[in-house]
């Protein structure tokens, strides 16, 4: 071999020897929790995170997914990555499967886990980790913390392959600035790139959800919206779907139904399957239907829409139609629309109005005007003090407008009378007038001036009819254009047989057979 060949061979030998001298020894497999520190060479022990809350026994296998990583600068948080969990525990044991070469790890005496590239922390009393199926069990006082979600539970199961956390016991997943949920069982699905775009929560066994409004600084403010149901599913931070005996409690509304949808960002909610909505406070109203939508602003309901077989009831008025649209301000009704394929009706104690659609205007829940449009019909009770009749007065037209006056404050009941409603509400609204337009006709009854019990009857027709009232009685009836009608006044019946007057000294007639004493009946002493 020439000199050049010898030099090249020597150089290769030196380089190879240097690599062996500088290389790090492969870590030996652990033999048990008590022998791990003895069986491994000193340079094979993985470093422990310096700022860990609880230190663990050295000697965990380096290829395990559950060991502390080398201290390094924390990168920027990535919200949509899988969690590579590093775990610290006071007591630990690692068992390697000879077939799969995967580890089963046990931790006790307090466990702290952190995701390497994300600001996620898990603490528990003890834990079991299975590398082979990427399944983690955390037991006792479990606390899961990430940027958008806090989760507390007695037991937590983390399915890393699905990025799913199952909390059992007394679980309470929450978003620090918007919502809190409590219940015996909840599942949290993390938002991870390639798995799902939005986080989800599924809570069963009748959980309770509290939704808050956040201010500009992210702090909660005001009273929460409370949702209780057999099951609640959450999508993101603000969209929730509930099933089974749903109860929705707001500061101004109490609602019930079989199922519900809540969008806290849009301040919209929908109740389905026999829902009932009741307002709170004085002069409350109740709304029913097959489906009810509620729209709010600044956590105050502004609109309530009931569809299909809708009925709205307050202390003076019952509104029924296919669809009812209520407008609310400061927890008081301002306006009500009733419309749909069938007829709409407004029924009070002494008055009924029916039409294709109704528009009831009641500013500050004081009934002022009612517009009945399309085949309108209104009927009222006549004055029972002066008229004895089983019939009601009525008015027809294409459109009917009714105007009302609520009682002034001077006519209100004394403050000491707690059984009478205050006069500034819709209590006892008095009708002022009725206006019928388009093929109008009217029938009303008048007290008989001749002392007869039967009232006089008046029937009129015209293009427009105006009926004015005074003290709840018909005062005047005005017919405009194409007027015609008839008035009938009751008079004594001149041909009717009068009862005969008995003669003086005449023997009284025997009583009817039903009143006679039976022949064999015992006599009274």
Protein backbone atom coordinates (compact mmCIF):
# COMPACT_ATOMS: atom_id res chain seq x y z
CA UNK A 1 0.00 0.00 0.00
CA UNK A 2 1.45 3.39 -0.93
CA UNK A 3 1.70 6.31 1.44
CA UNK A 4 -1.45 7.98 0.17
CA UNK A 5 -3.59 4.88 0.84
CA UNK A 6 -2.16 4.48 4.35
CA UNK A 7 -2.92 8.11 5.18
CA UNK A 8 -6.54 7.80 4.02
CA UNK A 9 -7.07 4.60 6.07
CA UNK A 10 -5.62 6.20 9.19
CA UNK A 11 -7.79 9.26 8.76
CA UNK A 12 -10.96 7.12 8.47
CA UNK A 13 -10.01 5.11 11.56
CA UNK A 14 -9.51 8.26 13.61
CA UNK A 15 -12.80 9.74 12.45
CA UNK A 16 -14.69 6.56 13.32
CA UNK A 17 -13.12 6.36 16.76
CA UNK A 18 -14.03 9.98 17.42
CA UNK A 19 -17.67 9.29 16.62
CA UNK A 20 -17.80 6.44 19.11
CA UNK A 21 -16.14 8.51 21.78
CA UNK A 22 -18.49 11.49 21.33
CA UNK A 23 -21.71 9.53 20.83
CA UNK A 24 -24.34 9.09 23.62
CA UNK A 25 -25.15 5.62 24.91
CA UNK A 26 -28.56 4.17 24.16
CA UNK A 27 -30.82 4.11 27.25
CA UNK A 28 -31.45 0.73 28.80
CA UNK A 29 -35.00 -0.47 29.34
CA UNK A 30 -36.26 -0.03 32.93
CA UNK A 31 -36.58 -3.16 35.09
CA UNK A 32 -39.06 -1.69 37.57
CA UNK A 33 -39.93 1.38 39.49
CA UNK A 34 -37.48 0.62 42.31
CA UNK A 35 -34.50 -0.37 40.04
CA UNK A 36 -34.85 2.28 37.36
CA UNK A 37 -32.25 4.66 38.81
CA UNK A 38 -29.71 1.85 39.35
CA UNK A 39 -29.99 0.05 36.03
CA UNK A 40 -29.58 3.06 33.79
CA UNK A 41 -26.24 4.78 33.19
CA UNK A 42 -26.03 8.31 34.42
CA UNK A 43 -25.87 9.86 30.95
CA UNK A 44 -29.08 8.09 29.82
CA UNK A 45 -31.39 9.70 32.41
CA UNK A 46 -33.63 12.27 30.70
CA UNK A 47 -33.54 15.72 32.30
CA UNK A 48 -36.44 16.87 34.46
CA UNK A 49 -38.28 20.10 33.75
CA UNK A 50 -36.89 22.61 36.23
CA UNK A 51 -40.15 24.44 36.91
CA UNK A 52 -42.22 21.29 37.43
CA UNK A 53 -44.58 21.45 40.38
CA UNK A 54 -43.88 17.88 41.52
CA UNK A 55 -40.62 16.10 40.66
CA UNK A 56 -40.67 12.46 39.64
CA UNK A 57 -38.35 9.48 39.96
CA UNK A 58 -35.57 9.56 37.38
CA UNK A 59 -35.15 6.74 34.91
CA UNK A 60 -38.23 6.93 32.67
CA UNK A 61 -37.51 5.50 29.22
CA UNK A 62 -36.56 8.18 26.73
CA UNK A 63 -38.72 6.75 23.93
CA UNK A 64 -41.91 6.98 26.04
CA UNK A 65 -44.40 9.71 25.14
CA UNK A 66 -44.91 10.63 28.79
CA UNK A 67 -41.48 11.87 29.90
CA UNK A 68 -40.26 15.34 30.63
CA UNK A 69 -38.62 17.03 27.67
CA UNK A 70 -35.29 18.79 27.61
CA UNK A 71 -35.55 22.33 28.92
CA UNK A 72 -35.82 24.73 26.02
CA UNK A 73 -37.50 27.96 25.09
CA UNK A 74 -41.28 27.60 24.79
CA UNK A 75 -42.42 28.25 21.21
CA UNK A 76 -45.43 30.33 20.35
CA UNK A 77 -48.74 28.63 21.14
CA UNK A 78 -50.36 26.74 18.30
CA UNK A 79 -54.05 26.33 18.97
CA UNK A 80 -54.68 23.54 16.48
CA UNK A 81 -52.05 20.89 17.21
CA UNK A 82 -52.14 17.54 18.93
CA UNK A 83 -51.01 17.49 22.53
CA UNK A 84 -47.63 15.84 23.19
CA UNK A 85 -47.98 15.37 26.92
CA UNK A 86 -45.03 15.54 29.30
CA UNK A 87 -45.82 14.21 32.79
CA UNK A 88 -44.18 14.72 36.17
CA UNK A 89 -45.10 12.57 39.17
CA UNK A 90 -43.78 11.89 42.65
CA UNK A 91 -43.99 8.11 42.16
CA UNK A 92 -43.88 6.39 38.78
CA UNK A 93 -43.57 2.97 37.19
CA UNK A 94 -43.03 2.06 33.53
CA UNK A 95 -43.76 -1.34 31.98
CA UNK A 96 -42.72 -2.14 28.41
CA UNK A 97 -44.71 -4.53 26.24
CA UNK A 98 -42.19 -6.94 24.63
CA UNK A 99 -44.34 -7.34 21.52
CA UNK A 100 -45.44 -3.80 20.72
CA UNK A 101 -42.44 -2.16 22.44
CA UNK A 102 -44.92 0.34 23.91
CA UNK A 103 -45.01 1.47 27.53
CA UNK A 104 -47.69 1.49 30.20
CA UNK A 105 -46.95 4.20 32.75
CA UNK A 106 -48.30 4.68 36.27
CA UNK A 107 -47.98 7.89 38.27
CA UNK A 108 -48.99 8.61 41.86
CA UNK A 109 -48.52 11.12 44.64
CA UNK A 110 -49.66 14.03 42.49
CA UNK A 111 -49.35 14.34 38.72
CA UNK A 112 -48.64 17.37 36.54
CA UNK A 113 -48.85 17.13 32.75
CA UNK A 114 -48.04 19.76 30.12
CA UNK A 115 -48.39 19.84 26.37
CA UNK A 116 -45.04 20.60 24.76
CA UNK A 117 -46.09 23.19 22.17
CA UNK A 118 -49.25 24.56 23.77
CA UNK A 119 -50.25 26.28 26.97
CA UNK A 120 -52.19 23.27 28.31
CA UNK A 121 -51.81 21.89 31.84
CA UNK A 122 -53.38 18.83 33.51
CA UNK A 123 -53.07 18.04 37.22
CA UNK A 124 -54.45 15.04 39.14
CA UNK A 125 -53.79 12.84 42.18
CA UNK A 126 -52.75 9.85 40.05
CA UNK A 127 -52.64 8.75 36.42
CA UNK A 128 -52.30 5.77 34.08
CA UNK A 129 -50.97 6.18 30.54
CA UNK A 130 -51.04 3.62 27.73
CA UNK A 131 -48.73 4.29 24.77
CA UNK A 132 -50.17 1.53 22.61
CA UNK A 133 -53.68 2.98 22.27
CA UNK A 134 -52.81 6.56 23.30
CA UNK A 135 -55.19 6.44 26.26
CA UNK A 136 -54.65 8.43 29.44
CA UNK A 137 -56.54 8.05 32.75
CA UNK A 138 -56.30 10.81 35.38
CA UNK A 139 -57.93 10.24 38.76
CA UNK A 140 -58.79 12.47 41.71
CA UNK A 141 -59.08 16.29 41.69
CA UNK A 142 -58.44 16.52 37.97
CA UNK A 143 -57.94 20.02 36.59
CA UNK A 144 -57.52 20.63 32.86
CA UNK A 145 -56.49 24.12 31.79
CA UNK A 146 -56.04 25.64 28.37
CA UNK A 147 -56.48 29.11 26.94
CA UNK A 148 -60.21 28.88 26.19
CA UNK A 149 -61.42 26.01 28.39
CA UNK A 150 -61.16 25.04 32.06
CA UNK A 151 -62.33 21.58 33.09
CA UNK A 152 -62.57 20.13 36.62
CA UNK A 153 -63.61 16.53 37.33
CA UNK A 154 -63.18 13.57 39.65
CA UNK A 155 -61.98 11.40 36.76
CA UNK A 156 -60.69 12.37 33.33
CA UNK A 157 -60.06 10.07 30.37
CA UNK A 158 -58.01 11.54 27.51
CA UNK A 159 -58.34 9.80 24.12
CA UNK A 160 -55.37 11.28 22.33
CA UNK A 161 -56.20 9.69 18.97
CA UNK A 162 -59.58 11.46 18.93
CA UNK A 163 -58.44 14.50 20.94
CA UNK A 164 -61.38 13.84 23.25
CA UNK A 165 -61.60 14.27 27.02
CA UNK A 166 -64.25 12.46 29.06
CA UNK A 167 -64.89 14.05 32.46
CA UNK A 168 -66.85 12.05 35.04
CA UNK A 169 -67.96 12.68 38.58
CA UNK A 170 -68.60 16.31 39.39
CA UNK A 171 -67.44 17.81 36.09
CA UNK A 172 -67.51 21.51 35.24
CA UNK A 173 -66.19 22.51 31.82
CA UNK A 174 -66.19 26.26 31.34
CA UNK A 175 -64.99 29.09 29.14
CA UNK A 176 -63.54 31.68 31.53
CA UNK A 177 -65.23 34.68 29.90
CA UNK A 178 -68.50 33.31 28.53
CA UNK A 179 -69.95 30.12 30.05
CA UNK A 180 -69.86 27.57 32.85
CA UNK A 181 -71.36 24.07 32.76
CA UNK A 182 -71.78 21.70 35.69
CA UNK A 183 -72.96 18.10 35.65
CA UNK A 184 -71.99 14.49 36.40
CA UNK A 185 -70.60 13.72 32.92
CA UNK A 186 -69.19 15.78 30.06
CA UNK A 187 -67.11 15.19 26.94
CA UNK A 188 -64.80 17.83 25.51
CA UNK A 189 -63.62 17.53 21.89
CA UNK A 190 -60.55 19.66 21.23
CA UNK A 191 -60.21 21.77 18.10
CA UNK A 192 -57.20 20.20 16.37
CA UNK A 193 -55.92 20.67 12.84
CA UNK A 194 -56.93 17.70 10.73
CA UNK A 195 -59.41 16.40 13.32
CA UNK A 196 -62.05 19.13 13.83
CA UNK A 197 -62.15 22.85 13.25
CA UNK A 198 -64.23 23.84 16.29
CA UNK A 199 -64.25 22.63 19.86
CA UNK A 200 -67.34 20.77 21.08
CA UNK A 201 -68.80 19.86 24.47
CA UNK A 202 -71.35 17.10 25.09
CA UNK A 203 -72.84 16.97 28.61
CA UNK A 204 -75.41 14.39 29.73
CA UNK A 205 -77.30 13.46 32.93
CA UNK A 206 -79.09 16.83 33.15
CA UNK A 207 -76.29 19.40 33.30
CA UNK A 208 -76.66 23.12 34.05
CA UNK A 209 -75.22 25.73 31.69
CA UNK A 210 -74.68 29.39 32.61
CA UNK A 211 -74.03 31.86 29.78
CA UNK A 212 -72.49 35.24 30.57
CA UNK A 213 -71.97 38.43 28.65
CA UNK A 214 -68.36 39.62 28.52
CA UNK A 215 -67.28 43.25 28.52
CA UNK A 216 -64.53 44.74 26.37
CA UNK A 217 -61.89 43.50 28.82
CA UNK A 218 -63.22 39.92 28.67
CA UNK A 219 -64.69 39.98 32.19
CA UNK A 220 -68.14 38.62 32.94
CA UNK A 221 -70.90 41.09 33.65
CA UNK A 222 -74.57 40.92 34.56
CA UNK A 223 -76.72 37.96 35.46
CA UNK A 224 -76.25 34.77 33.44
CA UNK A 225 -78.70 32.98 31.17
CA UNK A 226 -79.28 29.56 32.79
CA UNK A 227 -80.04 26.48 30.68
CA UNK A 228 -80.97 23.11 32.21
CA UNK A 229 -81.71 20.00 30.12
CA UNK A 230 -81.19 16.24 30.01
CA UNK A 231 -78.39 16.73 27.45
CA UNK A 232 -76.54 19.82 26.23
CA UNK A 233 -74.20 19.96 23.24
CA UNK A 234 -71.94 22.96 22.72
CA UNK A 235 -70.25 24.03 19.48
CA UNK A 236 -67.54 26.61 19.98
CA UNK A 237 -67.94 29.14 22.78
CA UNK A 238 -71.51 30.31 22.20
CA UNK A 239 -73.68 27.81 20.27
CA UNK A 240 -75.56 25.22 22.36
CA UNK A 241 -78.25 22.62 21.61
CA UNK A 242 -80.32 21.07 24.43
CA UNK A 243 -82.70 18.08 24.57
CA UNK A 244 -85.15 16.76 27.13
CA UNK A 245 -87.15 18.85 29.64
CA UNK A 246 -85.43 22.07 28.74
CA UNK A 247 -85.61 25.00 31.16
CA UNK A 248 -84.32 28.41 30.11
CA UNK A 249 -84.09 31.10 32.79
CA UNK A 250 -83.29 34.69 31.84
CA UNK A 251 -83.54 37.86 33.87
CA UNK A 252 -86.77 38.74 32.04
CA UNK A 253 -88.07 35.42 30.63
CA UNK A 254 -88.68 31.90 31.92
CA UNK A 255 -89.09 29.32 29.13
CA UNK A 256 -89.70 25.58 28.95
CA UNK A 257 -89.76 23.07 26.11
CA UNK A 258 -88.63 19.67 24.90
CA UNK A 259 -85.57 20.97 23.02
CA UNK A 260 -83.80 24.27 22.46
CA UNK A 261 -81.04 26.02 20.52
CA UNK A 262 -79.05 28.93 21.99
CA UNK A 263 -76.68 31.17 20.07
CA UNK A 264 -75.11 33.42 22.68
CA UNK A 265 -73.11 35.41 20.11
CA UNK A 266 -76.26 36.36 18.16
CA UNK A 267 -78.37 36.48 21.35
CA UNK A 268 -80.88 34.17 19.71
CA UNK A 269 -82.69 31.15 21.14
CA UNK A 270 -85.29 28.72 19.83
CA UNK A 271 -87.54 26.35 21.79
CA UNK A 272 -89.35 23.44 20.14
CA UNK A 273 -92.03 20.85 20.93
CA UNK A 274 -94.70 22.37 23.14
CA UNK A 275 -92.65 25.34 24.36
CA UNK A 276 -93.97 27.84 26.90
CA UNK A 277 -92.52 31.31 27.51
CA UNK A 278 -93.49 33.34 30.57
CA UNK A 279 -92.37 36.88 31.26
CA UNK A 280 -91.28 37.93 34.72
CA UNK A 281 -92.41 40.81 36.84
CA UNK A 282 -95.71 42.64 36.97
CA UNK A 283 -98.34 42.22 34.24
CA UNK A 284 -96.71 39.01 33.04
CA UNK A 285 -97.70 37.32 29.78
CA UNK A 286 -97.52 33.70 28.63
CA UNK A 287 -96.81 32.53 25.07
CA UNK A 288 -97.29 29.03 23.67
CA UNK A 289 -96.83 27.36 20.30
CA UNK A 290 -95.01 24.57 18.52
CA UNK A 291 -91.86 26.62 18.01
CA UNK A 292 -90.83 29.84 19.73
CA UNK A 293 -87.91 32.09 18.75
CA UNK A 294 -86.48 34.76 21.04
CA UNK A 295 -84.28 37.65 19.92
CA UNK A 296 -82.40 39.74 22.48
CA UNK A 297 -80.13 42.77 22.66
CA UNK A 298 -77.92 43.56 25.62
CA UNK A 299 -79.34 40.45 27.30
CA UNK A 300 -82.88 41.85 27.17
CA UNK A 301 -85.51 40.09 25.04
CA UNK A 302 -86.84 42.41 22.33
CA UNK A 303 -88.84 40.02 20.16
CA UNK A 304 -90.65 36.72 20.78
CA UNK A 305 -91.99 34.84 17.75
CA UNK A 306 -94.32 31.85 18.18
CA UNK A 307 -95.15 29.72 15.13
CA UNK A 308 -97.92 27.17 14.58
CA UNK A 309 -100.88 27.16 16.99
CA UNK A 310 -99.64 30.21 18.86
CA UNK A 311 -101.47 31.56 21.91
CA UNK A 312 -100.48 34.62 23.96
CA UNK A 313 -102.23 35.37 27.26
CA UNK A 314 -102.03 38.21 29.75
CA UNK A 315 -104.44 39.31 32.45
CA UNK A 316 -106.81 41.07 30.01
CA UNK A 317 -106.29 39.65 26.53
CA UNK A 318 -105.94 36.24 24.89
CA UNK A 319 -104.40 36.36 21.42
CA UNK A 320 -104.57 33.25 19.21
CA UNK A 321 -103.34 32.67 15.66
CA UNK A 322 -101.09 30.53 13.52
CA UNK A 323 -98.19 32.95 14.18
CA UNK A 324 -97.80 35.55 16.93
CA UNK A 325 -95.00 38.12 16.92
CA UNK A 326 -94.50 40.01 20.21
CA UNK A 327 -92.31 43.10 20.58
CA UNK A 328 -90.97 43.71 24.08
CA UNK A 329 -89.10 46.57 25.71
CA UNK A 330 -87.86 46.57 29.29
CA UNK A 331 -89.85 43.41 29.99
CA UNK A 332 -93.17 44.98 28.91
CA UNK A 333 -95.19 44.28 25.79
CA UNK A 334 -95.19 47.09 23.23
CA UNK A 335 -96.82 45.53 20.18
CA UNK A 336 -98.28 42.21 19.04
CA UNK A 337 -98.87 40.85 15.54
CA UNK A 338 -101.10 37.84 14.87
CA UNK A 339 -101.31 36.36 11.37
CA UNK A 340 -101.15 33.16 9.38
CA UNK A 341 -103.27 30.84 7.21
CA UNK A 342 -106.08 30.63 9.77
CA UNK A 343 -108.00 33.42 11.46
CA UNK A 344 -106.48 35.46 14.26
CA UNK A 345 -108.53 36.28 17.35
CA UNK A 346 -108.23 38.62 20.31
CA UNK A 347 -110.53 37.76 23.22
CA UNK A 348 -111.05 39.80 26.37
CA UNK A 349 -113.61 39.50 29.15
CA UNK A 350 -116.35 41.35 27.27
CA UNK A 351 -115.08 41.61 23.70
CA UNK A 352 -113.94 39.40 20.80
CA UNK A 353 -112.22 40.50 17.58
CA UNK A 354 -111.53 38.08 14.72
CA UNK A 355 -109.75 38.77 11.40
CA UNK A 356 -107.22 37.40 8.96
CA UNK A 357 -104.52 39.33 10.85
CA UNK A 358 -104.31 41.53 13.93
CA UNK A 359 -102.02 44.38 14.96
CA UNK A 360 -102.29 45.21 18.66
CA UNK A 361 -100.52 48.36 19.79
CA UNK A 362 -99.94 48.57 23.52
CA UNK A 363 -97.10 50.97 24.41
CA UNK A 364 -95.67 50.18 27.84
CA UNK A 365 -98.20 47.32 28.00
CA UNK A 366 -101.17 49.73 27.92
CA UNK A 367 -103.73 48.67 25.33
CA UNK A 368 -104.33 51.59 22.96
CA UNK A 369 -105.27 50.38 19.45
CA UNK A 370 -106.14 47.17 17.68
CA UNK A 371 -106.20 46.83 13.88
CA UNK A 372 -108.11 43.87 12.43
CA UNK A 373 -107.43 43.40 8.70
CA UNK A 374 -109.27 41.04 6.34
CA UNK A 375 -112.78 39.70 7.03
CA UNK A 376 -112.81 41.53 10.35
CA UNK A 377 -115.49 40.81 12.93
CA UNK A 378 -115.93 42.28 16.41
CA UNK A 379 -118.53 41.54 19.05
CA UNK A 380 -119.09 42.99 22.50
CA UNK A 381 -121.32 42.32 25.48
CA UNK A 382 -124.22 44.80 25.84
CA UNK A 383 -124.64 46.74 29.06
CA UNK A 384 -125.98 44.16 31.48
CA UNK A 385 -127.42 46.86 33.77
CA UNK A 386 -129.90 48.15 31.18
CA UNK A 387 -130.20 45.35 28.61
CA UNK A 388 -131.30 41.79 29.30
CA UNK A 389 -130.20 39.73 26.29
CA UNK A 390 -128.27 36.58 25.47
CA UNK A 391 -127.06 38.05 22.16
CA UNK A 392 -123.97 40.18 21.67
CA UNK A 393 -123.57 43.33 19.63
CA UNK A 394 -121.37 42.88 16.55
CA UNK A 395 -119.62 44.77 13.80
CA UNK A 396 -118.28 43.53 10.45
CA UNK A 397 -116.05 44.97 7.74
CA UNK A 398 -112.99 44.43 5.63
CA UNK A 399 -111.03 46.32 8.31
CA UNK A 400 -111.89 47.19 11.91
CA UNK A 401 -109.97 49.61 14.12
CA UNK A 402 -110.64 49.61 17.87
CA UNK A 403 -109.30 52.32 20.16
CA UNK A 404 -109.08 52.01 23.94
CA UNK A 405 -108.43 54.13 27.02
CA UNK A 406 -106.75 52.70 30.10
CA UNK A 407 -107.98 54.00 33.44
CA UNK A 408 -106.33 57.26 34.55
CA UNK A 409 -104.42 57.34 37.81
CA UNK A 410 -107.32 59.10 39.58
CA UNK A 411 -109.55 56.08 38.98
CA UNK A 412 -107.04 53.60 40.26
CA UNK A 413 -107.66 51.62 43.40
CA UNK A 414 -106.06 52.85 46.64
CA UNK A 415 -102.50 51.81 47.28
CA UNK A 416 -103.60 49.88 50.34
CA UNK A 417 -105.70 47.55 48.19
CA UNK A 418 -103.13 44.95 47.21
CA UNK A 419 -105.67 42.73 45.45
CA UNK A 420 -106.40 45.22 42.63
CA UNK A 421 -103.88 45.71 39.80
CA UNK A 422 -102.33 49.12 39.35
CA UNK A 423 -104.12 51.40 36.90
CA UNK A 424 -101.11 52.05 34.69
CA UNK A 425 -101.25 48.59 33.15
CA UNK A 426 -103.64 47.00 30.70
CA UNK A 427 -106.11 46.32 33.54
CA UNK A 428 -109.68 47.22 32.56
CA UNK A 429 -109.00 48.97 29.23
CA UNK A 430 -112.08 50.94 28.15
CA UNK A 431 -113.12 51.01 24.53
CA UNK A 432 -113.50 54.47 22.97
CA UNK A 433 -114.74 53.67 19.48
CA UNK A 434 -114.91 51.10 16.70
CA UNK A 435 -114.37 51.91 13.02
CA UNK A 436 -115.38 49.39 10.33
CA UNK A 437 -114.41 50.07 6.71
CA UNK A 438 -115.35 48.28 3.50
CA UNK A 439 -118.76 46.57 3.21
CA UNK A 440 -119.44 47.36 6.86
CA UNK A 441 -122.47 46.17 8.80
CA UNK A 442 -123.47 46.46 12.43
CA UNK A 443 -125.97 45.03 14.89
CA UNK A 444 -126.41 46.51 18.34
CA UNK A 445 -129.08 46.55 21.03
CA UNK A 446 -130.63 49.48 22.87
CA UNK A 447 -132.51 49.69 26.14
CA UNK A 448 -136.29 49.80 25.68
CA UNK A 449 -137.78 53.14 26.76
CA UNK A 450 -141.23 51.58 27.29
CA UNK A 451 -140.09 49.47 30.19
CA UNK A 452 -140.09 46.22 28.27
CA UNK A 453 -137.45 43.68 29.22
CA UNK A 454 -136.60 42.96 25.58
CA UNK A 455 -134.20 45.54 24.08
CA UNK A 456 -134.56 47.37 20.81
CA UNK A 457 -132.46 46.08 17.90
CA UNK A 458 -130.67 48.16 15.28
CA UNK A 459 -129.08 46.80 12.08
CA UNK A 460 -127.25 49.10 9.65
CA UNK A 461 -125.02 48.77 6.57
CA UNK A 462 -122.68 51.15 4.78
CA UNK A 463 -119.22 51.73 3.39
CA UNK A 464 -117.98 52.85 6.79
CA UNK A 465 -119.50 52.56 10.26
CA UNK A 466 -118.25 54.37 13.35
CA UNK A 467 -119.48 53.27 16.78
CA UNK A 468 -118.71 55.60 19.70
CA UNK A 469 -118.85 54.36 23.30
CA UNK A 470 -119.34 56.11 26.61
CA UNK A 471 -118.92 54.25 29.87
CA UNK A 472 -118.75 50.98 27.93
CA UNK A 473 -122.16 51.68 26.32
CA UNK A 474 -122.92 52.45 22.67
CA UNK A 475 -123.39 56.20 22.45
CA UNK A 476 -123.74 56.90 18.72
CA UNK A 477 -123.54 54.95 15.47
CA UNK A 478 -122.49 56.83 12.34
CA UNK A 479 -122.89 55.29 8.88
CA UNK A 480 -120.97 56.84 5.96
CA UNK A 481 -121.98 56.28 2.29
CA UNK A 482 -124.61 53.80 1.04
CA UNK A 483 -126.32 53.82 4.42
CA UNK A 484 -129.29 51.54 5.05
CA UNK A 485 -130.72 49.78 8.04
CA UNK A 486 -133.63 48.93 10.25
CA UNK A 487 -134.58 49.51 13.88
CA UNK A 488 -136.93 47.21 15.81
CA UNK A 489 -138.43 48.13 19.17
CA UNK A 490 -140.12 45.58 21.40
CA UNK A 491 -143.76 46.30 22.36
CA UNK A 492 -146.23 44.44 24.60
CA UNK A 493 -147.91 41.42 23.02
CA UNK A 494 -151.55 42.52 22.60
CA UNK A 495 -152.88 39.10 21.56
CA UNK A 496 -151.35 37.08 24.34
CA UNK A 497 -153.83 35.46 26.80
CA UNK A 498 -153.69 37.02 30.22
CA UNK A 499 -153.92 34.72 33.25
CA UNK A 500 -157.48 34.49 34.68
CA UNK A 501 -158.27 36.18 38.02
CA UNK A 502 -159.87 33.78 40.58
CA UNK A 503 -163.44 34.66 41.78
CA UNK A 504 -164.09 35.67 45.33
CA UNK A 505 -165.14 32.78 47.53
CA UNK A 506 -164.25 30.19 44.89
CA UNK A 507 -162.82 26.87 46.04
CA UNK A 508 -159.12 26.69 45.21
CA UNK A 509 -158.08 24.10 42.72
CA UNK A 510 -156.33 20.97 43.81
CA UNK A 511 -152.54 21.05 43.52
CA UNK A 512 -150.82 19.15 40.73
CA UNK A 513 -150.51 15.40 41.07
CA UNK A 514 -146.79 15.59 41.73
CA UNK A 515 -147.44 17.69 44.83
CA UNK A 516 -150.18 15.47 46.32
CA UNK A 517 -149.57 13.22 49.29
CA UNK A 518 -149.45 9.52 48.32
CA UNK A 519 -152.54 7.59 49.55
CA UNK A 520 -150.62 5.34 51.95
CA UNK A 521 -148.13 7.94 53.13
CA UNK A 522 -147.96 8.36 56.91
CA UNK A 523 -149.44 11.50 58.32
CA UNK A 524 -147.25 13.94 60.19
CA UNK A 525 -148.22 14.54 63.84
